[in-house]
Amino acid sequence: MTTTAYKVLIIGCGNMAGGYDLIQPDDALPLGHAKAFVKHGGFALSACVDPDAAKLAAFQHRWKCPPALPVCKRWQQRVVNSM
């Protein structure tokens, strides 16, 4: 039997997304969404978006999350422009 992982898009790469887990040991219980999804095993981090380029890059690096799709980048720009 094969299992299919649900694809996850993380919107906002701050503390709740994964930042709280940066200072935790790898074997600690998850405090944020990314670590919970990764530890569960039934989910795949497919993309992430954040208006802060530094937070986005750090999140992608730490959680090995692929860059957002062009559609997500256009959505992200709309959000930034509306602020």
N, C-alpha and C. Protein backbone atom coordinates (compact mmCIF):
# COMPACT_ATOMS: atom_id res chain seq x y z
N MET A 1 0.85 -1.18 0.00
CA MET A 1 0.00 0.00 0.00
C MET A 1 0.89 1.24 0.00
N THR A 2 0.66 2.14 -0.91
CA THR A 2 1.42 3.38 -0.95
C THR A 2 0.61 4.49 -0.31
N THR A 3 1.32 5.37 0.35
CA THR A 3 0.65 6.52 0.96
C THR A 3 1.09 7.77 0.22
N THR A 4 0.15 8.65 0.03
CA THR A 4 0.41 9.91 -0.64
C THR A 4 0.46 11.01 0.41
N ALA A 5 1.53 11.79 0.39
CA ALA A 5 1.65 12.90 1.32
C ALA A 5 0.80 14.07 0.83
N TYR A 6 0.11 14.71 1.75
CA TYR A 6 -0.63 15.92 1.43
C TYR A 6 0.36 17.05 1.23
N LYS A 7 0.15 17.85 0.21
CA LYS A 7 1.03 18.98 -0.07
C LYS A 7 0.60 20.18 0.76
N VAL A 8 1.58 20.86 1.35
CA VAL A 8 1.32 21.98 2.25
C VAL A 8 1.97 23.25 1.70
N LEU A 9 1.21 24.33 1.69
CA LEU A 9 1.73 25.67 1.39
C LEU A 9 1.74 26.44 2.70
N ILE A 10 2.90 26.90 3.12
CA ILE A 10 3.03 27.70 4.33
C ILE A 10 2.90 29.18 3.94
N ILE A 11 1.92 29.86 4.51
CA ILE A 11 1.71 31.28 4.23
C ILE A 11 2.17 32.05 5.47
N GLY A 12 3.29 32.72 5.33
CA GLY A 12 3.92 33.43 6.45
C GLY A 12 4.96 32.54 7.10
N CYS A 13 6.19 32.98 7.13
CA CYS A 13 7.31 32.15 7.60
C CYS A 13 7.85 32.63 8.94
N GLY A 14 6.98 33.08 9.80
CA GLY A 14 7.40 33.58 11.11
C GLY A 14 7.53 32.49 12.16
N ASN A 15 7.38 32.89 13.41
CA ASN A 15 7.59 31.97 14.53
C ASN A 15 6.65 30.78 14.53
N MET A 16 5.37 31.00 14.29
CA MET A 16 4.42 29.89 14.33
C MET A 16 4.64 28.93 13.18
N ALA A 17 5.10 29.43 12.06
CA ALA A 17 5.37 28.57 10.91
C ALA A 17 6.53 27.62 11.18
N GLY A 18 7.55 28.10 11.86
CA GLY A 18 8.71 27.25 12.12
C GLY A 18 9.79 27.88 12.96
N GLY A 19 9.66 29.17 13.22
CA GLY A 19 10.69 29.90 13.96
C GLY A 19 10.89 29.44 15.39
N TYR A 20 9.81 29.06 16.07
CA TYR A 20 9.94 28.61 17.46
C TYR A 20 10.78 27.34 17.56
N ASP A 21 10.80 26.55 16.51
CA ASP A 21 11.55 25.29 16.54
C ASP A 21 13.03 25.45 16.21
N LEU A 22 13.45 26.64 15.84
CA LEU A 22 14.85 26.85 15.49
C LEU A 22 15.79 26.63 16.66
N ILE A 23 15.34 26.92 17.88
CA ILE A 23 16.21 26.78 19.05
C ILE A 23 15.96 25.48 19.82
N GLN A 24 15.04 24.67 19.31
CA GLN A 24 14.72 23.40 19.95
C GLN A 24 15.58 22.28 19.38
N PRO A 25 15.90 21.27 20.19
CA PRO A 25 16.59 20.09 19.64
C PRO A 25 15.69 19.38 18.62
N ASP A 26 16.28 18.68 17.69
CA ASP A 26 15.51 18.00 16.65
C ASP A 26 14.52 16.98 17.21
N ASP A 27 14.85 16.38 18.35
CA ASP A 27 13.96 15.35 18.90
C ASP A 27 12.87 15.93 19.82
N ALA A 28 12.85 17.25 20.01
CA ALA A 28 11.81 17.88 20.84
C ALA A 28 10.48 17.87 20.10
N LEU A 29 9.40 17.94 20.85
CA LEU A 29 8.08 18.02 20.24
C LEU A 29 7.96 19.30 19.42
N PRO A 30 7.21 19.28 18.33
CA PRO A 30 7.07 20.47 17.48
C PRO A 30 6.35 21.61 18.20
N LEU A 31 6.83 22.81 17.97
CA LEU A 31 6.16 24.01 18.48
C LEU A 31 5.51 24.79 17.34
N GLY A 32 5.90 24.50 16.11
CA GLY A 32 5.37 25.22 14.96
C GLY A 32 4.84 24.27 13.89
N HIS A 33 4.26 24.86 12.87
CA HIS A 33 3.62 24.07 11.82
C HIS A 33 4.58 23.23 11.01
N ALA A 34 5.68 23.81 10.55
CA ALA A 34 6.60 23.08 9.67
C ALA A 34 7.11 21.81 10.32
N LYS A 35 7.58 21.90 11.54
CA LYS A 35 8.12 20.72 12.22
C LYS A 35 7.03 19.69 12.45
N ALA A 36 5.82 20.13 12.78
CA ALA A 36 4.71 19.20 12.98
C ALA A 36 4.40 18.44 11.69
N PHE A 37 4.37 19.16 10.57
CA PHE A 37 4.11 18.50 9.29
C PHE A 37 5.23 17.52 8.94
N VAL A 38 6.48 17.94 9.13
CA VAL A 38 7.62 17.08 8.81
C VAL A 38 7.64 15.84 9.69
N LYS A 39 7.46 16.01 10.99
CA LYS A 39 7.48 14.88 11.92
C LYS A 39 6.33 13.90 11.66
N HIS A 40 5.18 14.41 11.24
CA HIS A 40 4.03 13.56 11.00
C HIS A 40 4.31 12.55 9.90
N GLY A 41 4.92 13.02 8.82
CA GLY A 41 5.26 12.14 7.72
C GLY A 41 4.20 12.04 6.64
N GLY A 42 2.99 12.45 6.92
CA GLY A 42 1.92 12.38 5.93
C GLY A 42 1.76 13.66 5.13
N PHE A 43 2.71 14.57 5.30
CA PHE A 43 2.64 15.86 4.63
C PHE A 43 3.98 16.19 3.98
N ALA A 44 3.95 16.98 2.92
CA ALA A 44 5.16 17.45 2.24
C ALA A 44 5.08 18.97 2.15
N LEU A 45 6.12 19.66 2.63
CA LEU A 45 6.17 21.12 2.49
C LEU A 45 6.43 21.43 1.02
N SER A 46 5.42 21.91 0.33
CA SER A 46 5.51 22.13 -1.11
C SER A 46 6.01 23.51 -1.47
N ALA A 47 5.67 24.50 -0.67
CA ALA A 47 6.08 25.87 -0.96
C ALA A 47 5.78 26.74 0.25
N CYS A 48 6.41 27.91 0.26
CA CYS A 48 6.14 28.88 1.32
C CYS A 48 6.23 30.28 0.74
N VAL A 49 5.49 31.19 1.35
CA VAL A 49 5.51 32.60 0.93
C VAL A 49 5.59 33.48 2.16
N ASP A 50 6.28 34.60 2.01
CA ASP A 50 6.39 35.60 3.06
C ASP A 50 6.85 36.90 2.42
N PRO A 51 6.30 38.04 2.83
CA PRO A 51 6.74 39.31 2.25
C PRO A 51 8.16 39.69 2.64
N ASP A 52 8.67 39.11 3.72
CA ASP A 52 10.03 39.39 4.19
C ASP A 52 10.98 38.38 3.55
N ALA A 53 11.81 38.85 2.61
CA ALA A 53 12.70 37.96 1.86
C ALA A 53 13.67 37.21 2.76
N ALA A 54 14.14 37.84 3.83
CA ALA A 54 15.08 37.18 4.74
C ALA A 54 14.40 36.03 5.49
N LYS A 55 13.17 36.27 5.98
CA LYS A 55 12.43 35.20 6.66
C LYS A 55 12.13 34.05 5.71
N LEU A 56 11.76 34.40 4.49
CA LEU A 56 11.45 33.40 3.49
C LEU A 56 12.67 32.52 3.20
N ALA A 57 13.82 33.16 2.98
CA ALA A 57 15.04 32.41 2.68
C ALA A 57 15.46 31.53 3.86
N ALA A 58 15.37 32.05 5.07
CA ALA A 58 15.75 31.28 6.26
C ALA A 58 14.82 30.07 6.43
N PHE A 59 13.52 30.30 6.21
CA PHE A 59 12.56 29.20 6.34
C PHE A 59 12.84 28.13 5.30
N GLN A 60 13.05 28.54 4.06
CA GLN A 60 13.33 27.58 2.98
C GLN A 60 14.58 26.77 3.29
N HIS A 61 15.60 27.43 3.80
CA HIS A 61 16.85 26.74 4.12
C HIS A 61 16.65 25.74 5.26
N ARG A 62 16.04 26.18 6.35
CA ARG A 62 15.89 25.33 7.54
C ARG A 62 14.99 24.13 7.30
N TRP A 63 13.88 24.36 6.61
CA TRP A 63 12.89 23.29 6.44
C TRP A 63 12.95 22.63 5.08
N LYS A 64 13.97 23.00 4.30
CA LYS A 64 14.17 22.41 2.97
C LYS A 64 12.88 22.49 2.14
N CYS A 65 12.29 23.65 2.20
CA CYS A 65 11.03 23.91 1.51
C CYS A 65 11.35 24.55 0.15
N PRO A 66 10.80 24.02 -0.93
CA PRO A 66 11.09 24.59 -2.24
C PRO A 66 10.59 26.03 -2.37
N PRO A 67 11.18 26.78 -3.29
CA PRO A 67 10.70 28.14 -3.54
C PRO A 67 9.24 28.12 -3.98
N ALA A 68 8.55 29.21 -3.67
CA ALA A 68 7.14 29.32 -4.05
C ALA A 68 6.99 29.33 -5.56
N LEU A 69 5.89 28.82 -6.01
CA LEU A 69 5.59 28.82 -7.44
C LEU A 69 5.35 30.26 -7.91
N PRO A 70 5.51 30.53 -9.19
CA PRO A 70 5.26 31.89 -9.69
C PRO A 70 3.88 32.43 -9.31
N VAL A 71 2.86 31.59 -9.30
CA VAL A 71 1.53 32.04 -8.91
C VAL A 71 1.54 32.54 -7.47
N CYS A 72 2.22 31.81 -6.59
CA CYS A 72 2.31 32.21 -5.19
C CYS A 72 3.09 33.51 -5.06
N LYS A 73 4.11 33.68 -5.87
CA LYS A 73 4.89 34.92 -5.80
C LYS A 73 4.04 36.11 -6.22
N ARG A 74 3.18 35.92 -7.23
CA ARG A 74 2.29 37.02 -7.64
C ARG A 74 1.30 37.33 -6.53
N TRP A 75 0.76 36.30 -5.88
CA TRP A 75 -0.14 36.50 -4.75
C TRP A 75 0.58 37.23 -3.63
N GLN A 76 1.80 36.83 -3.35
CA GLN A 76 2.59 37.46 -2.29
C GLN A 76 2.79 38.94 -2.60
N GLN A 77 3.07 39.30 -3.83
CA GLN A 77 3.27 40.69 -4.20
C GLN A 77 1.99 41.50 -4.01
N ARG A 78 0.85 40.90 -4.29
CA ARG A 78 -0.42 41.59 -4.08
C ARG A 78 -0.65 41.88 -2.60
N VAL A 79 -0.30 40.91 -1.77
CA VAL A 79 -0.46 41.10 -0.32
C VAL A 79 0.44 42.22 0.16
N VAL A 80 1.69 42.23 -0.28
CA VAL A 80 2.63 43.26 0.12
C VAL A 80 2.14 44.63 -0.35
N ASN A 81 1.64 44.72 -1.57
CA ASN A 81 1.17 45.98 -2.11
C ASN A 81 -0.07 46.50 -1.41
N SER A 82 -0.85 45.60 -0.82
CA SER A 82 -2.08 46.04 -0.14
C SER A 82 -1.83 46.49 1.29
N MET A 83 -0.63 46.31 1.79
CA MET A 83 -0.32 46.71 3.18
C MET A 83 -0.06 48.18 3.29
